[in-house]
């Protein structure tokens, strides 16, 4: 990924990608990345925080069935304005994400979404 600067979509759903691999990528250099699917991955909170807070603003994010996607990761993305260009969000079956945080996000940014799954 460090050599593939033109990637727009990265689909990692149901893969056994490891945390070390995620931590080794320079996500801030992936300037064209727009869509990211991490459904059913076993990435931990630290890896997700590194990946998502250093990624460019995404238009689509799926973290369904992703236990590492916690309130802390979600709030960090929200506070760092990483969700401002988001039009599609899938957080279904994300058990470590508080519904109050999702509701607050929808109240302020729901108008920009074209698709949302919870």
C-alpha atoms as a PDB file:
ATOM      1  CA  UNK A   1       0.000   0.000   0.000  1.00  0.00           C
ATOM      2  CA  UNK A   2       2.860   2.397   0.633  1.00  0.00           C
ATOM      3  CA  UNK A   3       3.708   2.162  -3.078  1.00  0.00           C
ATOM      4  CA  UNK A   4       0.104   2.280  -4.358  1.00  0.00           C
ATOM      5  CA  UNK A   5      -0.825   5.936  -4.155  1.00  0.00           C
ATOM      6  CA  UNK A   6      -3.798   5.788  -6.561  1.00  0.00           C
ATOM      7  CA  UNK A   7      -5.983   3.337  -4.633  1.00  0.00           C
ATOM      8  CA  UNK A   8      -9.505   4.721  -4.195  1.00  0.00           C
ATOM      9  CA  UNK A   9     -11.251   1.677  -2.740  1.00  0.00           C
ATOM     10  CA  UNK A  10      -9.843  -0.801  -0.245  1.00  0.00           C
ATOM     11  CA  UNK A  11     -12.017  -3.812   0.562  1.00  0.00           C
ATOM     12  CA  UNK A  12     -10.622  -5.819   3.472  1.00  0.00           C
ATOM     13  CA  UNK A  13     -13.869  -7.394   4.684  1.00  0.00           C
ATOM     14  CA  UNK A  14     -13.613 -10.908   6.134  1.00  0.00           C
ATOM     15  CA  UNK A  15      -9.839 -10.940   5.820  1.00  0.00           C
ATOM     16  CA  UNK A  16      -7.406 -12.062   8.464  1.00  0.00           C
ATOM     17  CA  UNK A  17      -5.356  -8.890   8.118  1.00  0.00           C
ATOM     18  CA  UNK A  18      -3.141  -8.402  11.135  1.00  0.00           C
ATOM     19  CA  UNK A  19      -2.648  -5.345  13.277  1.00  0.00           C
ATOM     20  CA  UNK A  20       1.082  -5.190  12.484  1.00  0.00           C
ATOM     21  CA  UNK A  21       0.343  -4.884   8.773  1.00  0.00           C
ATOM     22  CA  UNK A  22      -2.062  -1.991   9.390  1.00  0.00           C
ATOM     23  CA  UNK A  23       0.411  -0.212  11.656  1.00  0.00           C
ATOM     24  CA  UNK A  24       3.173  -0.419   9.021  1.00  0.00           C
ATOM     25  CA  UNK A  25       1.207   1.511   6.374  1.00  0.00           C
ATOM     26  CA  UNK A  26       1.645   5.268   5.997  1.00  0.00           C
ATOM     27  CA  UNK A  27      -2.068   6.049   5.828  1.00  0.00           C
ATOM     28  CA  UNK A  28      -1.573   9.785   5.548  1.00  0.00           C
ATOM     29  CA  UNK A  29       0.155   9.186   2.198  1.00  0.00           C
ATOM     30  CA  UNK A  30      -2.926   7.432   0.752  1.00  0.00           C
ATOM     31  CA  UNK A  31      -4.356  10.663  -0.620  1.00  0.00           C
ATOM     32  CA  UNK A  32      -6.822   9.051  -3.049  1.00  0.00           C
ATOM     33  CA  UNK A  33      -8.383   6.552  -0.635  1.00  0.00           C
ATOM     34  CA  UNK A  34     -12.126   7.240  -0.555  1.00  0.00           C
ATOM     35  CA  UNK A  35     -13.820   3.970   0.359  1.00  0.00           C
ATOM     36  CA  UNK A  36     -12.797   1.546   3.091  1.00  0.00           C
ATOM     37  CA  UNK A  37     -14.488  -1.686   4.138  1.00  0.00           C
ATOM     38  CA  UNK A  38     -13.222  -3.320   7.326  1.00  0.00           C
ATOM     39  CA  UNK A  39     -16.261  -5.523   7.972  1.00  0.00           C
ATOM     40  CA  UNK A  40     -15.589  -8.568  10.154  1.00  0.00           C
ATOM     41  CA  UNK A  41     -11.903  -7.895  10.660  1.00  0.00           C
ATOM     42  CA  UNK A  42     -10.180  -8.566  13.971  1.00  0.00           C
ATOM     43  CA  UNK A  43      -8.301  -5.285  14.090  1.00  0.00           C
ATOM     44  CA  UNK A  44      -7.817  -3.835  17.542  1.00  0.00           C
ATOM     45  CA  UNK A  45      -8.636  -0.326  18.703  1.00  0.00           C
ATOM     46  CA  UNK A  46      -5.043   0.894  18.360  1.00  0.00           C
ATOM     47  CA  UNK A  47      -4.756  -0.251  14.739  1.00  0.00           C
ATOM     48  CA  UNK A  48      -8.106   1.258  13.789  1.00  0.00           C
ATOM     49  CA  UNK A  49      -7.178   4.510  15.490  1.00  0.00           C
ATOM     50  CA  UNK A  50      -3.885   4.644  13.582  1.00  0.00           C
ATOM     51  CA  UNK A  51      -5.499   3.763  10.273  1.00  0.00           C
ATOM     52  CA  UNK A  52      -8.587   5.934  10.392  1.00  0.00           C
ATOM     53  CA  UNK A  53      -7.221   9.063  12.044  1.00  0.00           C
ATOM     54  CA  UNK A  54      -4.316   9.180   9.592  1.00  0.00           C
ATOM     55  CA  UNK A  55      -6.395   8.385   6.508  1.00  0.00           C
ATOM     56  CA  UNK A  56      -7.762  11.107   4.262  1.00  0.00           C
ATOM     57  CA  UNK A  57     -11.423  11.989   4.639  1.00  0.00           C
ATOM     58  CA  UNK A  58     -13.382   8.977   3.443  1.00  0.00           C
ATOM     59  CA  UNK A  59     -16.670   9.016   1.579  1.00  0.00           C
ATOM     60  CA  UNK A  60     -17.590   5.436   2.604  1.00  0.00           C
ATOM     61  CA  UNK A  61     -16.647   3.507   5.742  1.00  0.00           C
ATOM     62  CA  UNK A  62     -17.843   0.091   6.815  1.00  0.00           C
ATOM     63  CA  UNK A  63     -16.816  -1.292  10.196  1.00  0.00           C
ATOM     64  CA  UNK A  64     -19.676  -3.763  10.686  1.00  0.00           C
ATOM     65  CA  UNK A  65     -18.921  -6.637  13.070  1.00  0.00           C
ATOM     66  CA  UNK A  66     -15.650  -4.901  14.001  1.00  0.00           C
ATOM     67  CA  UNK A  67     -15.140  -5.127  17.767  1.00  0.00           C
ATOM     68  CA  UNK A  68     -12.129  -2.806  17.695  1.00  0.00           C
ATOM     69  CA  UNK A  69     -14.257   0.103  16.501  1.00  0.00           C
ATOM     70  CA  UNK A  70     -15.064   1.673  19.861  1.00  0.00           C
ATOM     71  CA  UNK A  71     -16.469   4.942  21.143  1.00  0.00           C
ATOM     72  CA  UNK A  72     -12.926   6.246  21.495  1.00  0.00           C
ATOM     73  CA  UNK A  73     -12.144   5.595  17.813  1.00  0.00           C
ATOM     74  CA  UNK A  74     -15.463   7.058  16.674  1.00  0.00           C
ATOM     75  CA  UNK A  75     -15.083  10.191  18.806  1.00  0.00           C
ATOM     76  CA  UNK A  76     -11.525  10.690  17.611  1.00  0.00           C
ATOM     77  CA  UNK A  77     -12.681  10.560  13.992  1.00  0.00           C
ATOM     78  CA  UNK A  78     -15.531  12.936  14.748  1.00  0.00           C
ATOM     79  CA  UNK A  79     -13.373  15.438  16.633  1.00  0.00           C
ATOM     80  CA  UNK A  80     -10.609  15.358  13.989  1.00  0.00           C
ATOM     81  CA  UNK A  81     -13.223  16.059  11.289  1.00  0.00           C
ATOM     82  CA  UNK A  82     -12.473  12.803   9.472  1.00  0.00           C
ATOM     83  CA  UNK A  83     -16.174  12.171   8.894  1.00  0.00           C
ATOM     84  CA  UNK A  84     -17.039  15.451   7.170  1.00  0.00           C
ATOM     85  CA  UNK A  85     -17.109  14.033   3.632  1.00  0.00           C
ATOM     86  CA  UNK A  86     -18.753  10.740   4.602  1.00  0.00           C
ATOM     87  CA  UNK A  87     -21.832   9.778   2.561  1.00  0.00           C
ATOM     88  CA  UNK A  88     -22.050   6.123   3.581  1.00  0.00           C
ATOM     89  CA  UNK A  89     -21.478   4.583   7.018  1.00  0.00           C
ATOM     90  CA  UNK A  90     -22.016   1.008   8.180  1.00  0.00           C
ATOM     91  CA  UNK A  91     -21.608   0.402  11.905  1.00  0.00           C
ATOM     92  CA  UNK A  92     -24.003  -2.538  12.133  1.00  0.00           C
ATOM     93  CA  UNK A  93     -23.291  -5.072  14.876  1.00  0.00           C
ATOM     94  CA  UNK A  94     -20.444  -2.952  16.232  1.00  0.00           C
ATOM     95  CA  UNK A  95     -20.947  -3.937  19.854  1.00  0.00           C
ATOM     96  CA  UNK A  96     -18.383  -1.590  21.415  1.00  0.00           C
ATOM     97  CA  UNK A  97     -19.957   1.533  19.954  1.00  0.00           C
ATOM     98  CA  UNK A  98     -22.392   3.445  22.148  1.00  0.00           C
ATOM     99  CA  UNK A  99     -25.699   4.318  20.499  1.00  0.00           C
ATOM    100  CA  UNK A 100     -25.633   7.782  22.114  1.00  0.00           C
ATOM    101  CA  UNK A 101     -22.448   8.678  20.223  1.00  0.00           C
ATOM    102  CA  UNK A 102     -23.965   7.474  16.958  1.00  0.00           C
ATOM    103  CA  UNK A 103     -27.128   9.487  17.621  1.00  0.00           C
ATOM    104  CA  UNK A 104     -25.100  12.648  18.317  1.00  0.00           C
ATOM    105  CA  UNK A 105     -23.221  12.136  15.053  1.00  0.00           C
ATOM    106  CA  UNK A 106     -26.463  11.631  13.125  1.00  0.00           C
ATOM    107  CA  UNK A 107     -28.022  14.697  14.687  1.00  0.00           C
ATOM    108  CA  UNK A 108     -25.211  16.939  13.458  1.00  0.00           C
ATOM    109  CA  UNK A 109     -24.016  15.142  10.305  1.00  0.00           C
ATOM    110  CA  UNK A 110     -26.922  12.936   9.265  1.00  0.00           C
ATOM    111  CA  UNK A 111     -27.956  15.319   6.504  1.00  0.00           C
ATOM    112  CA  UNK A 112     -24.802  14.496   4.514  1.00  0.00           C
ATOM    113  CA  UNK A 113     -25.343  10.717   4.555  1.00  0.00           C
ATOM    114  CA  UNK A 114     -26.928   8.857   1.659  1.00  0.00           C
ATOM    115  CA  UNK A 115     -26.613   5.507   3.372  1.00  0.00           C
ATOM    116  CA  UNK A 116     -26.400   4.432   6.993  1.00  0.00           C
ATOM    117  CA  UNK A 117     -26.587   1.020   8.644  1.00  0.00           C
ATOM    118  CA  UNK A 118     -26.734   0.501  12.391  1.00  0.00           C
END
